[in-house]
Amino acid sequence: MPLRVRICRVDEVPPGERRGFRVDGVSHPVMVTNLDGELIATASMCPHEDVSLVEGAQDGDWLTCPGHGYEFNLRSGRCAHDPRLVLPRYPLSVIGDEVWVELV
């Protein structure tokens, strides 16, 4: 059964930025990225190794892991370097001015 949690307010993640948010009972923060007004929730840790993606370089839809340079598409989760790696994405909904995410 998924866990649905309030992550933040919409205005806490301005367009072109991303933030990590701690969730009680979850070991790693949830990362929320604002891609031209579209909010996307993903894991904040690289699936290659446990390196935080919050500080990674971003170019459009692509986020580069600061640890080993793996690139992930934020919209699909796809890794440009290894098709076996996928950045976990979480269903996100906006209710009023709050961002809610379903963690699986």
PDB file of N, CA and C in Angstrom:
ATOM      1  N   MET A   1       0.845  -1.177   0.000  1.00  0.00           N
ATOM      2  CA  MET A   1       0.000   0.000   0.000  1.00  0.00           C
ATOM      3  C   MET A   1       0.896   1.248   0.000  1.00  0.00           C
ATOM      4  N   PRO A   2       0.686   2.173  -0.928  1.00  0.00           N
ATOM      5  CA  PRO A   2       1.524   3.374  -0.979  1.00  0.00           C
ATOM      6  C   PRO A   2       1.287   4.281   0.226  1.00  0.00           C
ATOM      7  N   LEU A   3       2.320   5.024   0.540  1.00  0.00           N
ATOM      8  CA  LEU A   3       2.254   6.006   1.612  1.00  0.00           C
ATOM      9  C   LEU A   3       2.130   7.371   0.962  1.00  0.00           C
ATOM     10  N   ARG A   4       1.035   8.078   1.217  1.00  0.00           N
ATOM     11  CA  ARG A   4       0.809   9.406   0.629  1.00  0.00           C
ATOM     12  C   ARG A   4       1.169  10.453   1.675  1.00  0.00           C
ATOM     13  N   VAL A   5       2.130  11.320   1.321  1.00  0.00           N
ATOM     14  CA  VAL A   5       2.622  12.303   2.283  1.00  0.00           C
ATOM     15  C   VAL A   5       2.666  13.696   1.667  1.00  0.00           C
ATOM     16  N   ARG A   6       2.458  14.690   2.528  1.00  0.00           N
ATOM     17  CA  ARG A   6       2.630  16.085   2.125  1.00  0.00           C
ATOM     18  C   ARG A   6       4.126  16.361   2.152  1.00  0.00           C
ATOM     19  N   ILE A   7       4.654  16.874   1.049  1.00  0.00           N
ATOM     20  CA  ILE A   7       6.088  17.109   0.934  1.00  0.00           C
ATOM     21  C   ILE A   7       6.443  18.567   1.202  1.00  0.00           C
ATOM     22  N   CYS A   8       5.713  19.495   0.589  1.00  0.00           N
ATOM     23  CA  CYS A   8       6.065  20.907   0.689  1.00  0.00           C
ATOM     24  C   CYS A   8       4.931  21.751   0.120  1.00  0.00           C
ATOM     25  N   ARG A   9       5.158  23.060   0.074  1.00  0.00           N
ATOM     26  CA  ARG A   9       4.260  23.962  -0.645  1.00  0.00           C
ATOM     27  C   ARG A   9       4.825  24.146  -2.057  1.00  0.00           C
ATOM     28  N   VAL A  10       3.972  24.441  -2.992  1.00  0.00           N
ATOM     29  CA  VAL A  10       4.390  24.639  -4.382  1.00  0.00           C
ATOM     30  C   VAL A  10       5.469  25.720  -4.489  1.00  0.00           C
ATOM     31  N   ASP A  11       5.314  26.813  -3.747  1.00  0.00           N
ATOM     32  CA  ASP A  11       6.262  27.924  -3.864  1.00  0.00           C
ATOM     33  C   ASP A  11       7.638  27.629  -3.261  1.00  0.00           C
ATOM     34  N   GLU A  12       7.806  26.475  -2.617  1.00  0.00           N
ATOM     35  CA  GLU A  12       9.105  26.108  -2.065  1.00  0.00           C
ATOM     36  C   GLU A  12      10.062  25.556  -3.129  1.00  0.00           C
ATOM     37  N   VAL A  13       9.528  25.270  -4.330  1.00  0.00           N
ATOM     38  CA  VAL A  13      10.360  24.765  -5.425  1.00  0.00           C
ATOM     39  C   VAL A  13      10.075  25.629  -6.658  1.00  0.00           C
ATOM     40  N   PRO A  14      10.783  26.759  -6.782  1.00  0.00           N
ATOM     41  CA  PRO A  14      10.548  27.664  -7.914  1.00  0.00           C
ATOM     42  C   PRO A  14      10.941  27.022  -9.246  1.00  0.00           C
ATOM     43  N   PRO A  15      10.409  27.529 -10.357  1.00  0.00           N
ATOM     44  CA  PRO A  15      10.769  26.991 -11.678  1.00  0.00           C
ATOM     45  C   PRO A  15      12.286  26.938 -11.875  1.00  0.00           C
ATOM     46  N   GLY A  16      12.741  25.804 -12.413  1.00  0.00           N
ATOM     47  CA  GLY A  16      14.156  25.607 -12.682  1.00  0.00           C
ATOM     48  C   GLY A  16      14.969  25.129 -11.485  1.00  0.00           C
ATOM     49  N   GLU A  17      14.314  24.895 -10.353  1.00  0.00           N
ATOM     50  CA  GLU A  17      15.044  24.470  -9.162  1.00  0.00           C
ATOM     51  C   GLU A  17      14.545  23.115  -8.676  1.00  0.00           C
ATOM     52  N   ARG A  18      15.316  22.537  -7.750  1.00  0.00           N
ATOM     53  CA  ARG A  18      14.928  21.278  -7.114  1.00  0.00           C
ATOM     54  C   ARG A  18      15.343  21.334  -5.657  1.00  0.00           C
ATOM     55  N   ARG A  19      14.619  20.590  -4.850  1.00  0.00           N
ATOM     56  CA  ARG A  19      14.874  20.556  -3.411  1.00  0.00           C
ATOM     57  C   ARG A  19      14.654  19.130  -2.899  1.00  0.00           C
ATOM     58  N   GLY A  20      15.401  18.796  -1.863  1.00  0.00           N
ATOM     59  CA  GLY A  20      15.194  17.533  -1.171  1.00  0.00           C
ATOM     60  C   GLY A  20      14.400  17.781   0.095  1.00  0.00           C
ATOM     61  N   PHE A  21      13.447  16.900   0.394  1.00  0.00           N
ATOM     62  CA  PHE A  21      12.602  17.045   1.573  1.00  0.00           C
ATOM     63  C   PHE A  21      12.602  15.744   2.360  1.00  0.00           C
ATOM     64  N   ARG A  22      12.911  15.848   3.646  1.00  0.00           N
ATOM     65  CA  ARG A  22      12.889  14.678   4.531  1.00  0.00           C
ATOM     66  C   ARG A  22      11.443  14.246   4.787  1.00  0.00           C
ATOM     67  N   VAL A  23      11.266  12.940   4.859  1.00  0.00           N
ATOM     68  CA  VAL A  23       9.955  12.357   5.145  1.00  0.00           C
ATOM     69  C   VAL A  23      10.137  11.411   6.325  1.00  0.00           C
ATOM     70  N   ASP A  24       9.343  11.591   7.366  1.00  0.00           N
ATOM     71  CA  ASP A  24       9.423  10.701   8.530  1.00  0.00           C
ATOM     72  C   ASP A  24       9.249   9.251   8.098  1.00  0.00           C
ATOM     73  N   GLY A  25      10.143   8.392   8.574  1.00  0.00           N
ATOM     74  CA  GLY A  25      10.051   6.972   8.280  1.00  0.00           C
ATOM     75  C   GLY A  25      10.694   6.552   6.969  1.00  0.00           C
ATOM     76  N   VAL A  26      11.233   7.504   6.214  1.00  0.00           N
ATOM     77  CA  VAL A  26      11.887   7.199   4.934  1.00  0.00           C
ATOM     78  C   VAL A  26      13.361   7.567   5.079  1.00  0.00           C
ATOM     79  N   SER A  27      14.250   6.662   4.660  1.00  0.00           N
ATOM     80  CA  SER A  27      15.681   6.861   4.919  1.00  0.00           C
ATOM     81  C   SER A  27      16.318   8.005   4.130  1.00  0.00           C
ATOM     82  N   HIS A  28      15.855   8.256   2.901  1.00  0.00           N
ATOM     83  CA  HIS A  28      16.439   9.319   2.086  1.00  0.00           C
ATOM     84  C   HIS A  28      15.377  10.353   1.745  1.00  0.00           C
ATOM     85  N   PRO A  29      15.792  11.608   1.581  1.00  0.00           N
ATOM     86  CA  PRO A  29      14.819  12.639   1.206  1.00  0.00           C
ATOM     87  C   PRO A  29      14.172  12.356  -0.155  1.00  0.00           C
ATOM     88  N   VAL A  30      13.016  12.940  -0.355  1.00  0.00           N
ATOM     89  CA  VAL A  30      12.342  12.931  -1.653  1.00  0.00           C
ATOM     90  C   VAL A  30      12.756  14.216  -2.360  1.00  0.00           C
ATOM     91  N   MET A  31      13.135  14.107  -3.632  1.00  0.00           N
ATOM     92  CA  MET A  31      13.544  15.286  -4.386  1.00  0.00           C
ATOM     93  C   MET A  31      12.389  15.742  -5.262  1.00  0.00           C
ATOM     94  N   VAL A  32      12.088  17.038  -5.193  1.00  0.00           N
ATOM     95  CA  VAL A  32      11.052  17.625  -6.044  1.00  0.00           C
ATOM     96  C   VAL A  32      11.741  18.630  -6.953  1.00  0.00           C
ATOM     97  N   THR A  33      11.510  18.477  -8.261  1.00  0.00           N
ATOM     98  CA  THR A  33      12.101  19.349  -9.271  1.00  0.00           C
ATOM     99  C   THR A  33      10.987  20.074 -10.002  1.00  0.00           C
ATOM    100  N   ASN A  34      11.197  21.350 -10.274  1.00  0.00           N
ATOM    101  CA  ASN A  34      10.234  22.149 -11.026  1.00  0.00           C
ATOM    102  C   ASN A  34      10.809  22.372 -12.426  1.00  0.00           C
ATOM    103  N   LEU A  35      10.284  21.627 -13.403  1.00  0.00           N
ATOM    104  CA  LEU A  35      10.707  21.746 -14.799  1.00  0.00           C
ATOM    105  C   LEU A  35       9.688  22.596 -15.537  1.00  0.00           C
ATOM    106  N   ASP A  36       9.987  23.878 -15.678  1.00  0.00           N
ATOM    107  CA  ASP A  36       9.101  24.803 -16.401  1.00  0.00           C
ATOM    108  C   ASP A  36       7.664  24.747 -15.899  1.00  0.00           C
ATOM    109  N   GLY A  37       7.496  24.692 -14.580  1.00  0.00           N
ATOM    110  CA  GLY A  37       6.165  24.681 -13.990  1.00  0.00           C
ATOM    111  C   GLY A  37       5.615  23.301 -13.718  1.00  0.00           C
ATOM    112  N   GLU A  38       6.242  22.253 -14.240  1.00  0.00           N
ATOM    113  CA  GLU A  38       5.816  20.880 -13.959  1.00  0.00           C
ATOM    114  C   GLU A  38       6.632  20.349 -12.785  1.00  0.00           C
ATOM    115  N   LEU A  39       5.947  19.953 -11.718  1.00  0.00           N
ATOM    116  CA  LEU A  39       6.632  19.394 -10.557  1.00  0.00           C
ATOM    117  C   LEU A  39       6.795  17.896 -10.730  1.00  0.00           C
ATOM    118  N   ILE A  40       8.009  17.413 -10.462  1.00  0.00           N
ATOM    119  CA  ILE A  40       8.331  16.003 -10.599  1.00  0.00           C
ATOM    120  C   ILE A  40       8.979  15.545  -9.309  1.00  0.00           C
ATOM    121  N   ALA A  41       8.518  14.422  -8.759  1.00  0.00           N
ATOM    122  CA  ALA A  41       9.087  13.865  -7.536  1.00  0.00           C
ATOM    123  C   ALA A  41       9.875  12.605  -7.880  1.00  0.00           C
ATOM    124  N   THR A  42      11.107  12.546  -7.364  1.00  0.00           N
ATOM    125  CA  THR A  42      11.970  11.386  -7.594  1.00  0.00           C
ATOM    126  C   THR A  42      12.708  11.060  -6.301  1.00  0.00           C
ATOM    127  N   ALA A  43      13.393   9.922  -6.337  1.00  0.00           N
ATOM    128  CA  ALA A  43      14.334   9.613  -5.263  1.00  0.00           C
ATOM    129  C   ALA A  43      15.436  10.660  -5.312  1.00  0.00           C
ATOM    130  N   SER A  44      16.013  10.963  -4.169  1.00  0.00           N
ATOM    131  CA  SER A  44      17.082  11.961  -4.135  1.00  0.00           C
ATOM    132  C   SER A  44      18.463  11.333  -4.228  1.00  0.00           C
ATOM    133  N   MET A  45      18.511  10.007  -4.218  1.00  0.00           N
ATOM    134  CA  MET A  45      19.796   9.314  -4.255  1.00  0.00           C
ATOM    135  C   MET A  45      19.976   8.624  -5.601  1.00  0.00           C
ATOM    136  N   CYS A  46      21.202   8.665  -6.113  1.00  0.00           N
ATOM    137  CA  CYS A  46      21.522   8.029  -7.385  1.00  0.00           C
ATOM    138  C   CYS A  46      21.348   6.512  -7.261  1.00  0.00           C
ATOM    139  N   PRO A  47      20.677   5.869  -8.231  1.00  0.00           N
ATOM    140  CA  PRO A  47      20.513   4.419  -8.174  1.00  0.00           C
ATOM    141  C   PRO A  47      21.810   3.656  -8.480  1.00  0.00           C
ATOM    142  N   HIS A  48      22.834   4.349  -8.985  1.00  0.00           N
ATOM    143  CA  HIS A  48      24.122   3.706  -9.240  1.00  0.00           C
ATOM    144  C   HIS A  48      24.840   3.455  -7.916  1.00  0.00           C
ATOM    145  N   GLU A  49      24.961   4.491  -7.118  1.00  0.00           N
ATOM    146  CA  GLU A  49      25.513   4.417  -5.766  1.00  0.00           C
ATOM    147  C   GLU A  49      24.803   5.492  -4.956  1.00  0.00           C
ATOM    148  N   ASP A  50      24.829   5.355  -3.663  1.00  0.00           N
ATOM    149  CA  ASP A  50      24.089   6.299  -2.815  1.00  0.00           C
ATOM    150  C   ASP A  50      24.784   7.656  -2.740  1.00  0.00           C
ATOM    151  N   VAL A  51      24.626   8.450  -3.794  1.00  0.00           N
ATOM    152  CA  VAL A  51      25.140   9.810  -3.858  1.00  0.00           C
ATOM    153  C   VAL A  51      23.935  10.732  -4.034  1.00  0.00           C
ATOM    154  N   SER A  52      23.892  11.821  -3.280  1.00  0.00           N
ATOM    155  CA  SER A  52      22.768  12.743  -3.366  1.00  0.00           C
ATOM    156  C   SER A  52      22.732  13.427  -4.727  1.00  0.00           C
ATOM    157  N   LEU A  53      21.554  13.433  -5.342  1.00  0.00           N
ATOM    158  CA  LEU A  53      21.359  14.088  -6.634  1.00  0.00           C
ATOM    159  C   LEU A  53      20.924  15.541  -6.488  1.00  0.00           C
ATOM    160  N   VAL A  54      20.598  15.960  -5.284  1.00  0.00           N
ATOM    161  CA  VAL A  54      20.085  17.314  -5.076  1.00  0.00           C
ATOM    162  C   VAL A  54      21.101  18.356  -5.550  1.00  0.00           C
ATOM    163  N   GLU A  55      22.384  18.076  -5.387  1.00  0.00           N
ATOM    164  CA  GLU A  55      23.427  19.022  -5.784  1.00  0.00           C
ATOM    165  C   GLU A  55      23.969  18.750  -7.187  1.00  0.00           C
ATOM    166  N   GLY A  56      23.356  17.843  -7.930  1.00  0.00           N
ATOM    167  CA  GLY A  56      23.825  17.527  -9.278  1.00  0.00           C
ATOM    168  C   GLY A  56      23.576  18.665 -10.256  1.00  0.00           C
ATOM    169  N   ALA A  57      24.314  18.643 -11.364  1.00  0.00           N
ATOM    170  CA  ALA A  57      24.135  19.655 -12.418  1.00  0.00           C
ATOM    171  C   ALA A  57      22.933  19.269 -13.277  1.00  0.00           C
ATOM    172  N   GLN A  58      22.144  20.257 -13.653  1.00  0.00           N
ATOM    173  CA  GLN A  58      20.952  20.012 -14.462  1.00  0.00           C
ATOM    174  C   GLN A  58      21.039  20.772 -15.765  1.00  0.00           C
ATOM    175  N   ASP A  59      20.682  20.081 -16.847  1.00  0.00           N
ATOM    176  CA  ASP A  59      20.611  20.688 -18.175  1.00  0.00           C
ATOM    177  C   ASP A  59      19.275  20.272 -18.775  1.00  0.00           C
ATOM    178  N   GLY A  60      18.281  21.147 -18.690  1.00  0.00           N
ATOM    179  CA  GLY A  60      16.940  20.806 -19.179  1.00  0.00           C
ATOM    180  C   GLY A  60      16.358  19.683 -18.347  1.00  0.00           C
ATOM    181  N   ASP A  61      15.955  18.604 -19.033  1.00  0.00           N
ATOM    182  CA  ASP A  61      15.351  17.445 -18.361  1.00  0.00           C
ATOM    183  C   ASP A  61      16.384  16.520 -17.733  1.00  0.00           C
ATOM    184  N   TRP A  62      17.657  16.747 -17.988  1.00  0.00           N
ATOM    185  CA  TRP A  62      18.721  15.828 -17.576  1.00  0.00           C
ATOM    186  C   TRP A  62      19.435  16.316 -16.326  1.00  0.00           C
ATOM    187  N   LEU A  63      19.649  15.381 -15.390  1.00  0.00           N
ATOM    188  CA  LEU A  63      20.343  15.658 -14.141  1.00  0.00           C
ATOM    189  C   LEU A  63      21.579  14.763 -14.080  1.00  0.00           C
ATOM    190  N   THR A  64      22.729  15.361 -13.799  1.00  0.00           N
ATOM    191  CA  THR A  64      23.982  14.613 -13.719  1.00  0.00           C
ATOM    192  C   THR A  64      24.362  14.379 -12.263  1.00  0.00           C
ATOM    193  N   CYS A  65      24.613  13.127 -11.925  1.00  0.00           N
ATOM    194  CA  CYS A  65      25.032  12.768 -10.580  1.00  0.00           C
ATOM    195  C   CYS A  65      26.423  13.346 -10.317  1.00  0.00           C
ATOM    196  N   PRO A  66      26.597  14.044  -9.183  1.00  0.00           N
ATOM    197  CA  PRO A  66      27.903  14.627  -8.890  1.00  0.00           C
ATOM    198  C   PRO A  66      28.961  13.588  -8.523  1.00  0.00           C
ATOM    199  N   GLY A  67      28.550  12.356  -8.236  1.00  0.00           N
ATOM    200  CA  GLY A  67      29.507  11.324  -7.832  1.00  0.00           C
ATOM    201  C   GLY A  67      30.273  10.708  -8.984  1.00  0.00           C
ATOM    202  N   HIS A  68      29.569  10.222  -9.994  1.00  0.00           N
ATOM    203  CA  HIS A  68      30.209   9.500 -11.093  1.00  0.00           C
ATOM    204  C   HIS A  68      29.769   9.970 -12.471  1.00  0.00           C
ATOM    205  N   GLY A  69      28.973  11.028 -12.536  1.00  0.00           N
ATOM    206  CA  GLY A  69      28.604  11.596 -13.826  1.00  0.00           C
ATOM    207  C   GLY A  69      27.477  10.893 -14.553  1.00  0.00           C
ATOM    208  N   TYR A  70      26.774   9.974 -13.900  1.00  0.00           N
ATOM    209  CA  TYR A  70      25.645   9.326 -14.555  1.00  0.00           C
ATOM    210  C   TYR A  70      24.556  10.364 -14.787  1.00  0.00           C
ATOM    211  N   GLU A  71      23.927  10.322 -15.962  1.00  0.00           N
ATOM    212  CA  GLU A  71      22.879  11.277 -16.294  1.00  0.00           C
ATOM    213  C   GLU A  71      21.521  10.597 -16.284  1.00  0.00           C
ATOM    214  N   PHE A  72      20.538  11.276 -15.677  1.00  0.00           N
ATOM    215  CA  PHE A  72      19.183  10.744 -15.564  1.00  0.00           C
ATOM    216  C   PHE A  72      18.186  11.749 -16.117  1.00  0.00           C
ATOM    217  N   ASN A  73      17.232  11.241 -16.896  1.00  0.00           N
ATOM    218  CA  ASN A  73      16.154  12.073 -17.404  1.00  0.00           C
ATOM    219  C   ASN A  73      15.110  12.195 -16.294  1.00  0.00           C
ATOM    220  N   LEU A  74      14.846  13.408 -15.856  1.00  0.00           N
ATOM    221  CA  LEU A  74      13.926  13.614 -14.740  1.00  0.00           C
ATOM    222  C   LEU A  74      12.485  13.262 -15.089  1.00  0.00           C
ATOM    223  N   ARG A  75      12.115  13.384 -16.355  1.00  0.00           N
ATOM    224  CA  ARG A  75      10.733  13.075 -16.754  1.00  0.00           C
ATOM    225  C   ARG A  75      10.467  11.573 -16.852  1.00  0.00           C
ATOM    226  N   SER A  76      11.462  10.813 -17.290  1.00  0.00           N
ATOM    227  CA  SER A  76      11.257   9.372 -17.481  1.00  0.00           C
ATOM    228  C   SER A  76      11.978   8.514 -16.452  1.00  0.00           C
ATOM    229  N   GLY A  77      13.021   9.060 -15.824  1.00  0.00           N
ATOM    230  CA  GLY A  77      13.845   8.286 -14.911  1.00  0.00           C
ATOM    231  C   GLY A  77      14.969   7.537 -15.611  1.00  0.00           C
ATOM    232  N   ARG A  78      14.975   7.553 -16.932  1.00  0.00           N
ATOM    233  CA  ARG A  78      15.939   6.797 -17.743  1.00  0.00           C
ATOM    234  C   ARG A  78      17.362   7.299 -17.517  1.00  0.00           C
ATOM    235  N   CYS A  79      18.301   6.364 -17.480  1.00  0.00           N
ATOM    236  CA  CYS A  79      19.724   6.689 -17.352  1.00  0.00           C
ATOM    237  C   CYS A  79      20.353   6.660 -18.737  1.00  0.00           C
ATOM    238  N   ALA A  80      21.114   7.701 -19.078  1.00  0.00           N
ATOM    239  CA  ALA A  80      21.750   7.787 -20.394  1.00  0.00           C
ATOM    240  C   ALA A  80      22.921   6.825 -20.528  1.00  0.00           C
ATOM    241  N   HIS A  81      23.510   6.387 -19.429  1.00  0.00           N
ATOM    242  CA  HIS A  81      24.718   5.573 -19.470  1.00  0.00           C
ATOM    243  C   HIS A  81      24.475   4.080 -19.284  1.00  0.00           C
ATOM    244  N   ASP A  82      23.411   3.733 -18.592  1.00  0.00           N
ATOM    245  CA  ASP A  82      23.155   2.328 -18.278  1.00  0.00           C
ATOM    246  C   ASP A  82      21.644   2.095 -18.274  1.00  0.00           C
ATOM    247  N   PRO A  83      21.124   1.407 -19.296  1.00  0.00           N
ATOM    248  CA  PRO A  83      19.665   1.215 -19.380  1.00  0.00           C
ATOM    249  C   PRO A  83      19.081   0.399 -18.221  1.00  0.00           C
ATOM    250  N   ARG A  84      19.929  -0.276 -17.457  1.00  0.00           N
ATOM    251  CA  ARG A  84      19.429  -1.044 -16.304  1.00  0.00           C
ATOM    252  C   ARG A  84      19.121  -0.152 -15.112  1.00  0.00           C
ATOM    253  N   LEU A  85      19.684   1.056 -15.115  1.00  0.00           N
ATOM    254  CA  LEU A  85      19.456   1.976 -14.001  1.00  0.00           C
ATOM    255  C   LEU A  85      18.279   2.898 -14.300  1.00  0.00           C
ATOM    256  N   VAL A  86      17.421   3.068 -13.329  1.00  0.00           N
ATOM    257  CA  VAL A  86      16.266   3.960 -13.466  1.00  0.00           C
ATOM    258  C   VAL A  86      16.149   4.765 -12.181  1.00  0.00           C
ATOM    259  N   LEU A  87      16.003   6.066 -12.331  1.00  0.00           N
ATOM    260  CA  LEU A  87      15.773   6.930 -11.182  1.00  0.00           C
ATOM    261  C   LEU A  87      14.305   6.787 -10.774  1.00  0.00           C
ATOM    262  N   PRO A  88      14.035   6.272  -9.573  1.00  0.00           N
ATOM    263  CA  PRO A  88      12.638   6.096  -9.162  1.00  0.00           C
ATOM    264  C   PRO A  88      11.881   7.429  -9.148  1.00  0.00           C
ATOM    265  N   ARG A  89      10.681   7.403  -9.748  1.00  0.00           N
ATOM    266  CA  ARG A  89       9.789   8.567  -9.755  1.00  0.00           C
ATOM    267  C   ARG A  89       8.568   8.223  -8.918  1.00  0.00           C
ATOM    268  N   TYR A  90       7.990   9.239  -8.298  1.00  0.00           N
ATOM    269  CA  TYR A  90       6.829   9.031  -7.437  1.00  0.00           C
ATOM    270  C   TYR A  90       5.645   9.828  -7.968  1.00  0.00           C
ATOM    271  N   PRO A  91       4.452   9.233  -7.934  1.00  0.00           N
ATOM    272  CA  PRO A  91       3.257   9.996  -8.326  1.00  0.00           C
ATOM    273  C   PRO A  91       3.108  11.223  -7.434  1.00  0.00           C
ATOM    274  N   LEU A  92       2.842  12.355  -8.059  1.00  0.00           N
ATOM    275  CA  LEU A  92       2.755  13.637  -7.363  1.00  0.00           C
ATOM    276  C   LEU A  92       1.430  14.286  -7.691  1.00  0.00           C
ATOM    277  N   SER A  93       0.832  14.912  -6.702  1.00  0.00           N
ATOM    278  CA  SER A  93      -0.375  15.700  -6.946  1.00  0.00           C
ATOM    279  C   SER A  93      -0.268  17.006  -6.162  1.00  0.00           C
ATOM    280  N   VAL A  94      -0.886  18.032  -6.726  1.00  0.00           N
ATOM    281  CA  VAL A  94      -0.930  19.340  -6.077  1.00  0.00           C
ATOM    282  C   VAL A  94      -2.364  19.556  -5.613  1.00  0.00           C
ATOM    283  N   ILE A  95      -2.502  19.802  -4.328  1.00  0.00           N
ATOM    284  CA  ILE A  95      -3.813  20.058  -3.741  1.00  0.00           C
ATOM    285  C   ILE A  95      -3.736  21.442  -3.106  1.00  0.00           C
ATOM    286  N   GLY A  96      -4.442  22.395  -3.706  1.00  0.00           N
ATOM    287  CA  GLY A  96      -4.322  23.782  -3.270  1.00  0.00           C
ATOM    288  C   GLY A  96      -2.919  24.260  -3.556  1.00  0.00           C
ATOM    289  N   ASP A  97      -2.185  24.622  -2.505  1.00  0.00           N
ATOM    290  CA  ASP A  97      -0.795  25.046  -2.700  1.00  0.00           C
ATOM    291  C   ASP A  97       0.187  24.034  -2.119  1.00  0.00           C
ATOM    292  N   GLU A  98      -0.291  22.806  -1.868  1.00  0.00           N
ATOM    293  CA  GLU A  98       0.558  21.758  -1.270  1.00  0.00           C
ATOM    294  C   GLU A  98       0.901  20.665  -2.255  1.00  0.00           C
ATOM    295  N   VAL A  99       2.126  20.161  -2.130  1.00  0.00           N
ATOM    296  CA  VAL A  99       2.610  19.063  -2.969  1.00  0.00           C
ATOM    297  C   VAL A  99       2.529  17.780  -2.159  1.00  0.00           C
ATOM    298  N   TRP A 100       1.825  16.790  -2.716  1.00  0.00           N
ATOM    299  CA  TRP A 100       1.663  15.470  -2.077  1.00  0.00           C
ATOM    300  C   TRP A 100       2.290  14.436  -2.991  1.00  0.00           C
ATOM    301  N   VAL A 101       2.956  13.447  -2.383  1.00  0.00           N
ATOM    302  CA  VAL A 101       3.654  12.399  -3.134  1.00  0.00           C
ATOM    303  C   VAL A 101       3.248  11.051  -2.576  1.00  0.00           C
ATOM    304  N   GLU A 102       3.109  10.066  -3.487  1.00  0.00           N
ATOM    305  CA  GLU A 102       2.835   8.692  -3.090  1.00  0.00           C
ATOM    306  C   GLU A 102       4.134   7.909  -3.158  1.00  0.00           C
ATOM    307  N   LEU A 103       4.597   7.457  -2.009  1.00  0.00           N
ATOM    308  CA  LEU A 103       5.809   6.650  -1.935  1.00  0.00           C
ATOM    309  C   LEU A 103       5.419   5.193  -1.926  1.00  0.00           C
ATOM    310  N   VAL A 104       6.100   4.403  -2.727  1.00  0.00           N
ATOM    311  CA  VAL A 104       5.742   2.986  -2.843  1.00  0.00           C
ATOM    312  C   VAL A 104       6.598   2.139  -1.927  1.00  0.00           C
TER     313      VAL A 104
END
